[in-house]
C-alpha atoms as a PDB file:
ATOM      1  CA  MET A   1     128.402 113.474  77.244  1.00  0.00           C
ATOM      2  CA  THR A   2     131.410 112.256  79.241  1.00  0.00           C
ATOM      3  CA  ILE A   3     130.782 110.972  82.762  1.00  0.00           C
ATOM      4  CA  ASP A   4     133.587 110.940  85.307  1.00  0.00           C
ATOM      5  CA  PRO A   5     134.220 107.380  86.509  1.00  0.00           C
ATOM      6  CA  LEU A   6     133.108 106.589  90.008  1.00  0.00           C
ATOM      7  CA  ARG A   7     135.727 105.428  92.506  1.00  0.00           C
ATOM      8  CA  LEU A   8     134.771 101.997  93.825  1.00  0.00           C
ATOM      9  CA  ALA A   9     136.656 100.593  96.817  1.00  0.00           C
ATOM     10  CA  VAL A  10     136.507  96.793  97.026  1.00  0.00           C
ATOM     11  CA  ILE A  11     137.338  95.832 100.614  1.00  0.00           C
ATOM     12  CA  VAL A  12     138.667  92.311 101.290  1.00  0.00           C
ATOM     13  CA  GLY A  13     137.361  91.684 104.807  1.00  0.00           C
ATOM     14  CA  SER A  14     139.172  88.517 105.910  1.00  0.00           C
ATOM     15  CA  VAL A  15     142.767  88.444 107.138  1.00  0.00           C
ATOM     16  CA  ARG A  16     142.988  84.810 108.268  1.00  0.00           C
ATOM     17  CA  ASP A  17     145.725  82.482 107.042  1.00  0.00           C
ATOM     18  CA  GLY A  18     144.431  80.338 104.206  1.00  0.00           C
ATOM     19  CA  ARG A  19     141.579  82.740 103.498  1.00  0.00           C
ATOM     20  CA  PHE A  20     139.545  82.465 100.310  1.00  0.00           C
ATOM     21  CA  GLY A  21     138.677  86.168 100.162  1.00  0.00           C
ATOM     22  CA  PRO A  22     141.366  87.216  97.668  1.00  0.00           C
ATOM     23  CA  THR A  23     140.048  84.698  95.129  1.00  0.00           C
ATOM     24  CA  VAL A  24     136.504  86.031  95.383  1.00  0.00           C
ATOM     25  CA  ALA A  25     137.658  89.660  95.491  1.00  0.00           C
ATOM     26  CA  SER A  26     139.934  89.269  92.479  1.00  0.00           C
ATOM     27  CA  TRP A  27     137.115  87.798  90.409  1.00  0.00           C
ATOM     28  CA  PHE A  28     134.706  90.548  91.481  1.00  0.00           C
ATOM     29  CA  ALA A  29     137.242  93.339  90.914  1.00  0.00           C
ATOM     30  CA  GLY A  30     137.687  92.003  87.383  1.00  0.00           C
ATOM     31  CA  GLN A  31     133.934  92.254  86.817  1.00  0.00           C
ATOM     32  CA  ALA A  32     133.925  95.828  88.104  1.00  0.00           C
ATOM     33  CA  ALA A  33     137.052  96.885  86.219  1.00  0.00           C
ATOM     34  CA  SER A  34     135.456  95.888  82.911  1.00  0.00           C
ATOM     35  CA  ARG A  35     133.026  98.793  83.290  1.00  0.00           C
ATOM     36  CA  PRO A  36     134.083 102.176  81.893  1.00  0.00           C
ATOM     37  CA  ASP A  37     132.106 104.006  84.589  1.00  0.00           C
ATOM     38  CA  LEU A  38     134.264 102.654  87.429  1.00  0.00           C
ATOM     39  CA  HIS A  39     137.774 103.078  88.759  1.00  0.00           C
ATOM     40  CA  VAL A  40     138.432 100.131  91.102  1.00  0.00           C
ATOM     41  CA  ASP A  41     140.650 100.263  94.194  1.00  0.00           C
ATOM     42  CA  VAL A  42     141.083  96.890  95.931  1.00  0.00           C
ATOM     43  CA  ILE A  43     141.754  97.363  99.644  1.00  0.00           C
ATOM     44  CA  ASP A  44     142.983  94.145 101.251  1.00  0.00           C
ATOM     45  CA  LEU A  45     142.788  94.437 105.028  1.00  0.00           C
ATOM     46  CA  VAL A  46     145.717  92.060 105.412  1.00  0.00           C
ATOM     47  CA  ASP A  47     147.770  95.076 104.273  1.00  0.00           C
ATOM     48  CA  VAL A  48     146.342  97.199 107.116  1.00  0.00           C
ATOM     49  CA  PRO A  49     147.963  95.636 110.203  1.00  0.00           C
ATOM     50  CA  ILE A  50     146.020  97.303 112.985  1.00  0.00           C
ATOM     51  CA  GLY A  51     145.166  94.131 114.907  1.00  0.00           C
ATOM     52  CA  GLY A  52     142.745  94.793 117.720  1.00  0.00           C
ATOM     53  CA  ALA A  53     143.892  98.357 118.401  1.00  0.00           C
ATOM     54  CA  ALA A  54     140.953 100.429 119.568  1.00  0.00           C
ATOM     55  CA  PRO A  55     140.205 103.702 117.767  1.00  0.00           C
ATOM     56  CA  SER A  56     142.410 106.279 119.481  1.00  0.00           C
ATOM     57  CA  MET A  57     145.002 108.803 118.382  1.00  0.00           C
ATOM     58  CA  SER A  58     147.260 107.318 121.093  1.00  0.00           C
ATOM     59  CA  ALA A  59     147.369 103.993 119.226  1.00  0.00           C
ATOM     60  CA  PRO A  60     150.828 102.571 118.480  1.00  0.00           C
ATOM     61  CA  ALA A  61     152.738 104.280 115.668  1.00  0.00           C
ATOM     62  CA  PRO A  62     152.552 101.269 113.263  1.00  0.00           C
ATOM     63  CA  VAL A  63     148.752 101.272 113.582  1.00  0.00           C
ATOM     64  CA  LEU A  64     148.507 104.983 112.861  1.00  0.00           C
ATOM     65  CA  GLU A  65     150.884 104.541 109.918  1.00  0.00           C
ATOM     66  CA  ALA A  66     148.726 101.758 108.465  1.00  0.00           C
ATOM     67  CA  LEU A  67     145.628 103.884 108.874  1.00  0.00           C
ATOM     68  CA  GLY A  68     147.422 106.811 107.245  1.00  0.00           C
ATOM     69  CA  GLY A  69     147.507 104.801 104.041  1.00  0.00           C
ATOM     70  CA  LEU A  70     143.956 103.467 104.351  1.00  0.00           C
ATOM     71  CA  THR A  71     141.864 106.428 105.482  1.00  0.00           C
ATOM     72  CA  PRO A  72     142.461 108.620 102.395  1.00  0.00           C
ATOM     73  CA  ARG A  73     141.534 105.716 100.120  1.00  0.00           C
ATOM     74  CA  LEU A  74     138.239 105.227 101.946  1.00  0.00           C
ATOM     75  CA  ALA A  75     137.563 108.961 101.895  1.00  0.00           C
ATOM     76  CA  ALA A  76     138.216 109.134  98.135  1.00  0.00           C
ATOM     77  CA  ALA A  77     135.780 106.324  97.333  1.00  0.00           C
ATOM     78  CA  ASP A  78     132.344 107.125  95.945  1.00  0.00           C
ATOM     79  CA  ALA A  79     131.103 103.614  96.756  1.00  0.00           C
ATOM     80  CA  PHE A  80     132.175 100.421  98.487  1.00  0.00           C
ATOM     81  CA  VAL A  81     131.838  96.703  97.940  1.00  0.00           C
ATOM     82  CA  VAL A  82     132.701  94.627 100.989  1.00  0.00           C
ATOM     83  CA  VAL A  83     133.875  91.075 100.283  1.00  0.00           C
ATOM     84  CA  THR A  84     133.187  89.090 103.430  1.00  0.00           C
ATOM     85  CA  PRO A  85     133.079  85.522 104.684  1.00  0.00           C
ATOM     86  CA  GLU A  86     130.828  84.419 107.496  1.00  0.00           C
ATOM     87  CA  TYR A  87     132.476  83.602 110.806  1.00  0.00           C
ATOM     88  CA  ASN A  88     130.137  82.212 113.485  1.00  0.00           C
ATOM     89  CA  HIS A  89     127.037  83.737 111.856  1.00  0.00           C
ATOM     90  CA  SER A  90     128.698  87.148 111.481  1.00  0.00           C
ATOM     91  CA  TYR A  91     131.597  88.980 109.827  1.00  0.00           C
ATOM     92  CA  PRO A  92     135.345  89.098 110.601  1.00  0.00           C
ATOM     93  CA  ALA A  93     136.674  91.057 113.563  1.00  0.00           C
ATOM     94  CA  ALA A  94     139.344  92.728 111.407  1.00  0.00           C
ATOM     95  CA  LEU A  95     136.628  94.163 109.181  1.00  0.00           C
ATOM     96  CA  LYS A  96     134.673  95.506 112.154  1.00  0.00           C
ATOM     97  CA  ASN A  97     137.779  97.109 113.612  1.00  0.00           C
ATOM     98  CA  VAL A  98     138.598  98.926 110.371  1.00  0.00           C
ATOM     99  CA  ILE A  99     135.001 100.112 110.113  1.00  0.00           C
ATOM    100  CA  ASP A 100     135.130 101.314 113.734  1.00  0.00           C
ATOM    101  CA  TRP A 101     138.216 103.393 112.985  1.00  0.00           C
ATOM    102  CA  HIS A 102     136.266 105.241 110.299  1.00  0.00           C
ATOM    103  CA  ASN A 103     132.941 107.009 110.223  1.00  0.00           C
ATOM    104  CA  GLN A 104     132.603 110.066 108.019  1.00  0.00           C
ATOM    105  CA  GLN A 105     134.445 108.267 105.202  1.00  0.00           C
ATOM    106  CA  PHE A 106     131.238 106.230 104.732  1.00  0.00           C
ATOM    107  CA  HIS A 107     128.692 109.030 105.133  1.00  0.00           C
ATOM    108  CA  ALA A 108     126.119 109.267 102.339  1.00  0.00           C
ATOM    109  CA  LYS A 109     127.836 106.619 100.229  1.00  0.00           C
ATOM    110  CA  PRO A 110     126.528 103.259  99.032  1.00  0.00           C
ATOM    111  CA  VAL A 111     127.859  99.941 100.261  1.00  0.00           C
ATOM    112  CA  ALA A 112     127.248  96.621  98.507  1.00  0.00           C
ATOM    113  CA  PHE A 113     128.279  93.121  99.522  1.00  0.00           C
ATOM    114  CA  VAL A 114     129.912  90.072  98.011  1.00  0.00           C
ATOM    115  CA  SER A 115     129.763  87.204 100.485  1.00  0.00           C
ATOM    116  CA  TYR A 116     130.965  83.653 100.562  1.00  0.00           C
ATOM    117  CA  GLY A 117     130.870  80.661 102.847  1.00  0.00           C
ATOM    118  CA  GLY A 118     129.263  77.297 103.320  1.00  0.00           C
ATOM    119  CA  ILE A 119     125.574  76.605 103.043  1.00  0.00           C
ATOM    120  CA  SER A 120     124.534  80.178 103.904  1.00  0.00           C
ATOM    121  CA  GLY A 121     126.960  81.786 101.467  1.00  0.00           C
ATOM    122  CA  GLY A 122     127.920  84.435 104.002  1.00  0.00           C
ATOM    123  CA  LEU A 123     124.502  86.079 103.952  1.00  0.00           C
ATOM    124  CA  ARG A 124     124.215  86.201 107.751  1.00  0.00           C
ATOM    125  CA  ALA A 125     127.402  88.286 107.826  1.00  0.00           C
ATOM    126  CA  VAL A 126     125.849  90.646 105.287  1.00  0.00           C
ATOM    127  CA  GLU A 127     122.716  91.119 107.389  1.00  0.00           C
ATOM    128  CA  HIS A 128     124.839  92.101 110.399  1.00  0.00           C
ATOM    129  CA  LEU A 129     126.882  94.517 108.287  1.00  0.00           C
ATOM    130  CA  ARG A 130     123.761  96.291 107.032  1.00  0.00           C
ATOM    131  CA  ALA A 131     122.985  97.481 110.584  1.00  0.00           C
ATOM    132  CA  VAL A 132     126.575  98.613 111.129  1.00  0.00           C
ATOM    133  CA  PHE A 133     126.678 100.669 107.933  1.00  0.00           C
ATOM    134  CA  ALA A 134     123.280 102.221 108.672  1.00  0.00           C
ATOM    135  CA  GLU A 135     124.858 103.627 111.836  1.00  0.00           C
ATOM    136  CA  LEU A 136     127.545 105.209 109.644  1.00  0.00           C
ATOM    137  CA  HIS A 137     124.953 106.988 107.476  1.00  0.00           C
ATOM    138  CA  ALA A 138     125.703 104.729 104.519  1.00  0.00           C
ATOM    139  CA  VAL A 139     123.154 103.247 102.103  1.00  0.00           C
ATOM    140  CA  THR A 140     123.343  99.510 101.495  1.00  0.00           C
ATOM    141  CA  THR A 141     122.134  97.968  98.264  1.00  0.00           C
ATOM    142  CA  ARG A 142     119.481  95.288  98.245  1.00  0.00           C
ATOM    143  CA  ASP A 143     121.134  92.791  95.924  1.00  0.00           C
ATOM    144  CA  THR A 144     124.310  90.911  96.761  1.00  0.00           C
ATOM    145  CA  VAL A 145     126.615  88.395  95.165  1.00  0.00           C
ATOM    146  CA  SER A 146     126.754  85.288  97.332  1.00  0.00           C
ATOM    147  CA  PHE A 147     128.806  82.133  96.890  1.00  0.00           C
ATOM    148  CA  HIS A 148     127.387  79.094  98.698  1.00  0.00           C
ATOM    149  CA  GLY A 149     129.968  76.340  99.059  1.00  0.00           C
ATOM    150  CA  ALA A 150     132.489  78.857  97.769  1.00  0.00           C
ATOM    151  CA  TRP A 151     135.532  76.596  97.753  1.00  0.00           C
ATOM    152  CA  GLU A 152     133.824  74.228  95.336  1.00  0.00           C
ATOM    153  CA  SER A 153     132.369  77.043  93.222  1.00  0.00           C
ATOM    154  CA  PHE A 154     135.684  78.261  91.779  1.00  0.00           C
ATOM    155  CA  ASP A 155     138.123  76.540  89.447  1.00  0.00           C
ATOM    156  CA  GLY A 156     141.923  76.430  89.757  1.00  0.00           C
ATOM    157  CA  ASN A 157     142.211  79.755  87.911  1.00  0.00           C
ATOM    158  CA  GLY A 158     140.081  81.624  90.433  1.00  0.00           C
ATOM    159  CA  GLN A 159     137.014  81.805  88.181  1.00  0.00           C
ATOM    160  CA  PRO A 160     133.503  80.593  88.974  1.00  0.00           C
ATOM    161  CA  LYS A 161     132.849  77.163  87.503  1.00  0.00           C
ATOM    162  CA  ASP A 162     129.413  78.446  86.484  1.00  0.00           C
ATOM    163  CA  PRO A 163     130.292  81.950  85.264  1.00  0.00           C
ATOM    164  CA  VAL A 164     126.845  83.053  84.094  1.00  0.00           C
ATOM    165  CA  GLY A 165     124.982  83.253  87.414  1.00  0.00           C
ATOM    166  CA  PRO A 166     127.715  85.109  89.330  1.00  0.00           C
ATOM    167  CA  ALA A 167     128.361  87.501  86.422  1.00  0.00           C
ATOM    168  CA  THR A 168     124.651  88.311  86.224  1.00  0.00           C
ATOM    169  CA  ALA A 169     124.499  88.907  89.984  1.00  0.00           C
ATOM    170  CA  ALA A 170     127.625  91.082  89.817  1.00  0.00           C
ATOM    171  CA  LYS A 171     126.113  93.216  87.053  1.00  0.00           C
ATOM    172  CA  THR A 172     122.932  93.747  89.074  1.00  0.00           C
ATOM    173  CA  LEU A 173     124.948  94.689  92.165  1.00  0.00           C
ATOM    174  CA  LEU A 174     127.198  97.053  90.202  1.00  0.00           C
ATOM    175  CA  ASP A 175     124.236  98.698  88.467  1.00  0.00           C
ATOM    176  CA  GLN A 176     122.656  99.389  91.861  1.00  0.00           C
ATOM    177  CA  VAL A 177     125.774 100.608  93.641  1.00  0.00           C
ATOM    178  CA  THR A 178     126.775 102.901  90.754  1.00  0.00           C
ATOM    179  CA  TRP A 179     123.266 104.377  90.565  1.00  0.00           C
ATOM    180  CA  TRP A 180     123.368 105.227  94.248  1.00  0.00           C
ATOM    181  CA  ALA A 181     126.947 106.476  94.057  1.00  0.00           C
ATOM    182  CA  ARG A 182     126.222 108.859  91.194  1.00  0.00           C
ATOM    183  CA  ILE A 183     123.018 110.181  92.767  1.00  0.00           C
ATOM    184  CA  LEU A 184     124.660 110.717  96.152  1.00  0.00           C
ATOM    185  CA  ARG A 185     127.851 112.209  94.697  1.00  0.00           C
ATOM    186  CA  ASP A 186     125.848 114.664  92.607  1.00  0.00           C
ATOM    187  CA  ALA A 187     123.587 115.562  95.531  1.00  0.00           C
ATOM    188  CA  LYS A 188     126.556 116.319  97.786  1.00  0.00           C
ATOM    189  CA  THR A 189     127.911 118.839  95.265  1.00  0.00           C
ATOM    190  CA  THR A 190     124.838 121.017  95.799  1.00  0.00           C
ATOM    191  CA  THR A 191     123.806 120.053  99.328  1.00  0.00           C
ATOM    192  CA  PRO A 192     126.557 118.899 101.693  1.00  0.00           C
ATOM    193  CA  TYR A 193     125.541 115.959 103.842  1.00  0.00           C
ATOM    194  CA  THR A 194     125.532 116.588 107.579  1.00  0.00           C
ATOM    195  CA  ALA A 195     125.365 113.781 110.114  1.00  0.00           C
END
């Protein structure tokens, strides 16, 4: 029996200069891409220059153009993994703004998290994001991948210095998010989700 691959959007949530997010996201996307049941789309928010523009169809043309490339990719995804740092016990403003521009694109889809930071490993950002995604009718997975002291956890090639623990955590996360994605995708083919 052939199973259609699920479309997994990996969202890089930080846009700051000198950010570490692309290193973490690249490693995780590699873990996900090794699975035959997934098609991975990495969405780096640095490529979506919407700044602090509030959700409105009267937003400046460059903002609407950037969203025109992003929104269909979010809508096409069966599942999401958000790669986020922790800024002041929460998540980046750019990530929140992109989420605020979208709603139905997340309905009845699973969201998982890969976080990184200092001693907390970004987990406080994840806890804040869970409440936000619940408001968007999304399902968040229990298990995460978290890098504590992230800058010291990776080598010069962008790979974890201790590959076993992170790879095991990534497999658990991917098993959960794909289970939810398949169940929800199949359910929506027979019973459309209404919010």
